[in-house]
C-alpha atoms as a PDB file:
ATOM      1  CA  MET A   1      -4.053  28.284   2.685  1.00  0.00           C
ATOM      2  CA  ILE A   2      -3.581  25.197   0.557  1.00  0.00           C
ATOM      3  CA  ALA A   3      -4.694  22.760   3.260  1.00  0.00           C
ATOM      4  CA  SER A   4      -6.255  23.140   6.675  1.00  0.00           C
ATOM      5  CA  GLU A   5      -4.430  22.227   9.853  1.00  0.00           C
ATOM      6  CA  LYS A   6      -6.801  19.276  10.207  1.00  0.00           C
ATOM      7  CA  MET A   7      -5.973  18.128   6.649  1.00  0.00           C
ATOM      8  CA  ILE A   8      -2.239  18.366   7.364  1.00  0.00           C
ATOM      9  CA  GLU A   9      -2.734  16.403  10.583  1.00  0.00           C
ATOM     10  CA  SER A  10      -4.662  13.728   8.679  1.00  0.00           C
ATOM     11  CA  MET A  11      -1.964  13.549   6.005  1.00  0.00           C
ATOM     12  CA  ASN A  12       0.705  13.174   8.691  1.00  0.00           C
ATOM     13  CA  GLN A  13      -1.280  10.231  10.027  1.00  0.00           C
ATOM     14  CA  GLN A  14      -1.455   8.813   6.501  1.00  0.00           C
ATOM     15  CA  ILE A  15       2.329   8.949   6.283  1.00  0.00           C
ATOM     16  CA  GLY A  16       2.362   6.634   9.301  1.00  0.00           C
ATOM     17  CA  ASN A  17      -0.267   4.422   7.673  1.00  0.00           C
ATOM     18  CA  GLU A  18       1.751   4.168   4.461  1.00  0.00           C
ATOM     19  CA  MET A  19       5.025   3.484   6.299  1.00  0.00           C
ATOM     20  CA  GLY A  20       3.244   0.880   8.428  1.00  0.00           C
ATOM     21  CA  ALA A  21       1.967  -0.763   5.240  1.00  0.00           C
ATOM     22  CA  SER A  22       5.507  -0.671   3.847  1.00  0.00           C
ATOM     23  CA  MET A  23       6.859  -2.503   6.883  1.00  0.00           C
ATOM     24  CA  PHE A  24       3.939  -4.954   6.782  1.00  0.00           C
ATOM     25  CA  TYR A  25       4.905  -5.830   3.211  1.00  0.00           C
ATOM     26  CA  VAL A  26       8.532  -6.339   4.302  1.00  0.00           C
ATOM     27  CA  GLY A  27       7.184  -8.868   6.806  1.00  0.00           C
ATOM     28  CA  ILE A  28       5.217 -10.687   4.113  1.00  0.00           C
ATOM     29  CA  ALA A  29       8.164 -10.558   1.686  1.00  0.00           C
ATOM     30  CA  SER A  30      10.441 -12.016   4.355  1.00  0.00           C
ATOM     31  CA  TYR A  31       7.948 -14.803   4.986  1.00  0.00           C
ATOM     32  CA  PHE A  32       8.046 -15.779   1.298  1.00  0.00           C
ATOM     33  CA  ASP A  33      11.816 -15.292   1.135  1.00  0.00           C
ATOM     34  CA  GLY A  34      12.164 -17.731   4.024  1.00  0.00           C
ATOM     35  CA  ARG A  35      10.088 -20.275   2.110  1.00  0.00           C
ATOM     36  CA  SER A  36      12.346 -20.016  -0.981  1.00  0.00           C
ATOM     37  CA  LEU A  37       9.637 -18.317  -3.055  1.00  0.00           C
ATOM     38  CA  PRO A  38      11.629 -15.482  -4.653  1.00  0.00           C
ATOM     39  CA  LYS A  39       8.945 -14.121  -6.984  1.00  0.00           C
ATOM     40  CA  LEU A  40       6.393 -13.801  -4.182  1.00  0.00           C
ATOM     41  CA  ALA A  41       9.090 -12.199  -2.025  1.00  0.00           C
ATOM     42  CA  GLU A  42      10.014  -9.786  -4.823  1.00  0.00           C
ATOM     43  CA  PHE A  43       6.348  -8.893  -5.382  1.00  0.00           C
ATOM     44  CA  PHE A  44       5.948  -7.901  -1.732  1.00  0.00           C
ATOM     45  CA  TYR A  45       9.320  -6.132  -1.495  1.00  0.00           C
ATOM     46  CA  LEU A  46       8.149  -4.011  -4.449  1.00  0.00           C
ATOM     47  CA  GLN A  47       4.820  -3.413  -2.685  1.00  0.00           C
ATOM     48  CA  SER A  48       6.794  -2.254   0.354  1.00  0.00           C
ATOM     49  CA  GLU A  49       8.756   0.214  -1.737  1.00  0.00           C
ATOM     50  CA  GLU A  50       5.559   1.545  -3.325  1.00  0.00           C
ATOM     51  CA  GLU A  51       4.054   2.246   0.083  1.00  0.00           C
ATOM     52  CA  ARG A  52       7.200   4.136   1.076  1.00  0.00           C
ATOM     53  CA  VAL A  53       6.910   6.197  -2.121  1.00  0.00           C
ATOM     54  CA  HIS A  54       3.281   6.941  -1.226  1.00  0.00           C
ATOM     55  CA  ALA A  55       4.375   8.171   2.210  1.00  0.00           C
ATOM     56  CA  MET A  56       6.932  10.437   0.578  1.00  0.00           C
ATOM     57  CA  LYS A  57       4.282  11.906  -1.740  1.00  0.00           C
ATOM     58  CA  PHE A  58       2.304  12.926   1.356  1.00  0.00           C
ATOM     59  CA  GLN A  59       5.461  14.300   2.976  1.00  0.00           C
ATOM     60  CA  LYS A  60       6.195  16.420  -0.100  1.00  0.00           C
ATOM     61  CA  PHE A  61       2.618  17.740  -0.202  1.00  0.00           C
ATOM     62  CA  ILE A  62       2.805  18.737   3.477  1.00  0.00           C
ATOM     63  CA  VAL A  63       6.123  20.533   2.997  1.00  0.00           C
ATOM     64  CA  ASP A  64       4.948  22.265  -0.195  1.00  0.00           C
ATOM     65  CA  ALA A  65       1.726  23.323   1.565  1.00  0.00           C
ATOM     66  CA  GLU A  66       3.859  24.836   4.338  1.00  0.00           C
ATOM     67  CA  GLY A  67       2.421  22.391   6.837  1.00  0.00           C
ATOM     68  CA  ARG A  68       4.217  20.923   9.819  1.00  0.00           C
ATOM     69  CA  LEU A  69       5.489  17.395   9.253  1.00  0.00           C
ATOM     70  CA  VAL A  70       4.860  15.089  12.229  1.00  0.00           C
ATOM     71  CA  ILE A  71       5.520  11.430  11.542  1.00  0.00           C
ATOM     72  CA  PRO A  72       3.567   9.163  13.900  1.00  0.00           C
ATOM     73  CA  ALA A  73       4.873   6.007  15.562  1.00  0.00           C
ATOM     74  CA  ILE A  74       4.490   2.891  13.457  1.00  0.00           C
ATOM     75  CA  PRO A  75       3.370  -0.368  15.095  1.00  0.00           C
ATOM     76  CA  ALA A  76       5.471  -3.482  14.581  1.00  0.00           C
ATOM     77  CA  PRO A  77       4.209  -5.462  11.579  1.00  0.00           C
ATOM     78  CA  LYS A  78       3.107  -9.078  11.535  1.00  0.00           C
ATOM     79  CA  CYS A  79       5.952 -11.165  10.119  1.00  0.00           C
ATOM     80  CA  ASP A  80       4.770 -14.735  10.646  1.00  0.00           C
ATOM     81  CA  PHE A  81       1.915 -16.376   8.800  1.00  0.00           C
ATOM     82  CA  GLU A  82       0.359 -19.830   8.870  1.00  0.00           C
ATOM     83  CA  THR A  83      -0.128 -19.983   5.100  1.00  0.00           C
ATOM     84  CA  ALA A  84       0.542 -18.040   1.934  1.00  0.00           C
ATOM     85  CA  ARG A  85      -3.199 -17.508   1.620  1.00  0.00           C
ATOM     86  CA  GLU A  86      -3.301 -15.877   5.057  1.00  0.00           C
ATOM     87  CA  ALA A  87      -0.446 -13.526   4.118  1.00  0.00           C
ATOM     88  CA  VAL A  88      -2.053 -12.458   0.835  1.00  0.00           C
ATOM     89  CA  ALA A  89      -5.540 -12.182   2.381  1.00  0.00           C
ATOM     90  CA  LEU A  90      -4.139  -9.873   5.066  1.00  0.00           C
ATOM     91  CA  ALA A  91      -2.423  -7.850   2.336  1.00  0.00           C
ATOM     92  CA  LEU A  92      -5.771  -7.461   0.549  1.00  0.00           C
ATOM     93  CA  ASP A  93      -7.403  -6.422   3.829  1.00  0.00           C
ATOM     94  CA  SER A  94      -4.613  -3.888   4.306  1.00  0.00           C
ATOM     95  CA  GLU A  95      -5.189  -2.425   0.829  1.00  0.00           C
ATOM     96  CA  LYS A  96      -8.909  -2.140   1.533  1.00  0.00           C
ATOM     97  CA  ALA A  97      -8.131  -0.349   4.813  1.00  0.00           C
ATOM     98  CA  VAL A  98      -5.771   2.061   3.042  1.00  0.00           C
ATOM     99  CA  THR A  99      -8.481   2.703   0.453  1.00  0.00           C
ATOM    100  CA  GLN A 100     -10.856   3.730   3.236  1.00  0.00           C
ATOM    101  CA  GLN A 101      -8.149   5.964   4.712  1.00  0.00           C
ATOM    102  CA  ILE A 102      -7.761   7.681   1.333  1.00  0.00           C
ATOM    103  CA  TYR A 103     -11.540   8.073   1.074  1.00  0.00           C
ATOM    104  CA  ASP A 104     -11.523   9.708   4.517  1.00  0.00           C
ATOM    105  CA  LEU A 105      -8.853  12.148   3.322  1.00  0.00           C
ATOM    106  CA  VAL A 106     -10.947  12.927   0.238  1.00  0.00           C
ATOM    107  CA  ALA A 107     -13.946  13.599   2.495  1.00  0.00           C
ATOM    108  CA  GLN A 108     -11.807  15.914   4.646  1.00  0.00           C
ATOM    109  CA  ALA A 109     -10.503  17.781   1.592  1.00  0.00           C
ATOM    110  CA  THR A 110     -14.071  18.108   0.282  1.00  0.00           C
ATOM    111  CA  GLU A 111     -15.296  19.448   3.617  1.00  0.00           C
ATOM    112  CA  ASP A 112     -12.382  21.926   3.678  1.00  0.00           C
ATOM    113  CA  LYS A 113     -13.012  22.897   0.041  1.00  0.00           C
ATOM    114  CA  SER A 114      -9.325  22.222  -0.526  1.00  0.00           C
ATOM    115  CA  TYR A 115      -9.409  21.591  -4.249  1.00  0.00           C
ATOM    116  CA  ILE A 116      -5.634  21.336  -4.481  1.00  0.00           C
ATOM    117  CA  ALA A 117      -5.687  18.532  -1.900  1.00  0.00           C
ATOM    118  CA  LEU A 118      -8.554  16.878  -3.796  1.00  0.00           C
ATOM    119  CA  ARG A 119      -6.564  16.870  -7.044  1.00  0.00           C
ATOM    120  CA  PHE A 120      -3.533  15.504  -5.168  1.00  0.00           C
ATOM    121  CA  LEU A 121      -5.657  12.739  -3.642  1.00  0.00           C
ATOM    122  CA  ASP A 122      -7.133  11.745  -7.033  1.00  0.00           C
ATOM    123  CA  TRP A 123      -3.871   9.934  -7.801  1.00  0.00           C
ATOM    124  CA  PHE A 124      -4.197   7.888  -4.597  1.00  0.00           C
ATOM    125  CA  VAL A 125      -7.817   6.965  -5.324  1.00  0.00           C
ATOM    126  CA  ASN A 126      -6.767   5.555  -8.709  1.00  0.00           C
ATOM    127  CA  GLU A 127      -3.728   3.861  -7.181  1.00  0.00           C
ATOM    128  CA  GLN A 128      -5.866   2.133  -4.561  1.00  0.00           C
ATOM    129  CA  PHE A 129      -8.176   0.760  -7.227  1.00  0.00           C
ATOM    130  CA  GLU A 130      -5.133  -0.809  -8.873  1.00  0.00           C
ATOM    131  CA  GLU A 131      -3.736  -2.087  -5.564  1.00  0.00           C
ATOM    132  CA  VAL A 132      -6.989  -3.715  -4.432  1.00  0.00           C
ATOM    133  CA  THR A 133      -7.603  -5.390  -7.792  1.00  0.00           C
ATOM    134  CA  THR A 134      -3.998  -6.617  -8.063  1.00  0.00           C
ATOM    135  CA  MET A 135      -3.997  -8.036  -4.537  1.00  0.00           C
ATOM    136  CA  GLY A 136      -7.451  -9.567  -5.048  1.00  0.00           C
ATOM    137  CA  GLY A 137      -6.202 -11.271  -8.212  1.00  0.00           C
ATOM    138  CA  LEU A 138      -3.153 -12.629  -6.419  1.00  0.00           C
ATOM    139  CA  LEU A 139      -5.370 -13.954  -3.628  1.00  0.00           C
ATOM    140  CA  ASP A 140      -7.554 -15.688  -6.226  1.00  0.00           C
ATOM    141  CA  VAL A 141      -4.514 -17.374  -7.775  1.00  0.00           C
ATOM    142  CA  VAL A 142      -3.082 -18.436  -4.403  1.00  0.00           C
ATOM    143  CA  GLY A 143      -6.520 -19.764  -3.439  1.00  0.00           C
ATOM    144  CA  MET A 144      -6.831 -21.765  -6.662  1.00  0.00           C
ATOM    145  CA  VAL A 145      -3.464 -23.488  -6.384  1.00  0.00           C
ATOM    146  CA  GLY A 146      -3.304 -23.922  -2.599  1.00  0.00           C
ATOM    147  CA  GLU A 147      -0.193 -24.297  -0.469  1.00  0.00           C
ATOM    148  CA  ASP A 148       1.104 -27.197  -2.552  1.00  0.00           C
ATOM    149  CA  GLY A 149       0.891 -25.147  -5.741  1.00  0.00           C
ATOM    150  CA  LEU A 150       2.899 -22.074  -4.749  1.00  0.00           C
ATOM    151  CA  LEU A 151       5.510 -22.804  -7.415  1.00  0.00           C
ATOM    152  CA  ALA A 152       2.702 -22.181  -9.932  1.00  0.00           C
ATOM    153  CA  VAL A 153       2.189 -18.772  -8.307  1.00  0.00           C
ATOM    154  CA  GLU A 154       5.901 -18.130  -8.798  1.00  0.00           C
ATOM    155  CA  GLY A 155       5.428 -18.898 -12.495  1.00  0.00           C
ATOM    156  CA  TYR A 156       2.337 -16.698 -12.637  1.00  0.00           C
ATOM    157  CA  LEU A 157       4.267 -13.771 -11.169  1.00  0.00           C
ATOM    158  CA  GLU A 158       7.178 -14.433 -13.518  1.00  0.00           C
ATOM    159  CA  ARG A 159       4.892 -14.216 -16.571  1.00  0.00           C
ATOM    160  CA  ARG A 160       2.548 -11.425 -15.546  1.00  0.00           C
ATOM    161  CA  GLU A 161       3.031  -7.969 -16.896  1.00  0.00           C
ATOM    162  CA  ASP A 162       4.144  -5.556 -14.205  1.00  0.00           C
ATOM    163  CA  PRO A 163       1.276  -3.068 -13.792  1.00  0.00           C
ATOM    164  CA  HIS A 164       3.766  -0.556 -12.395  1.00  0.00           C
ATOM    165  CA  ALA A 165       6.254  -0.662 -15.259  1.00  0.00           C
ATOM    166  CA  GLY A 166       6.701   2.826 -16.551  1.00  0.00           C
ATOM    167  CA  GLY A 167       4.433   4.230 -13.840  1.00  0.00           C
ATOM    168  CA  GLU A 168       5.094   6.429 -10.849  1.00  0.00           C
ATOM    169  CA  GLY A 169       4.854   3.597  -8.307  1.00  0.00           C
END
């Protein structure tokens, strides 16, 4: 067996986590869209799409491992924020939470001695490092410029090299 029933169950839950994160990023993107900040909106719409892609990677693993796909209910995301800093800080918190979820899956795969699952999860561990550092950097920039300087953040996002260009997402 490629993955234990418990591992498949945990991965199903992670699909819900990833889809929840995707919807959360739609909420943040919409917040910035509503404030006429298109680059911040675009950044978070892209983050939303990445989370959906992550969910689909788990779905594909479950199907390929002949597991039973069970997609959990997804709670409604927060869509209203007091400040840009709050929105980005919550996004960073979300990425840290997802990182812990991935670590928990790695621990489960290790306990199960599911080396195929471990190799699959390696990609997510590396991806989470990138996500946490990217979101932390954005929070730093938003914190430096404050609410009155969000147009500078737009310029920053316009000029920055896309870390996902040419990658798998």
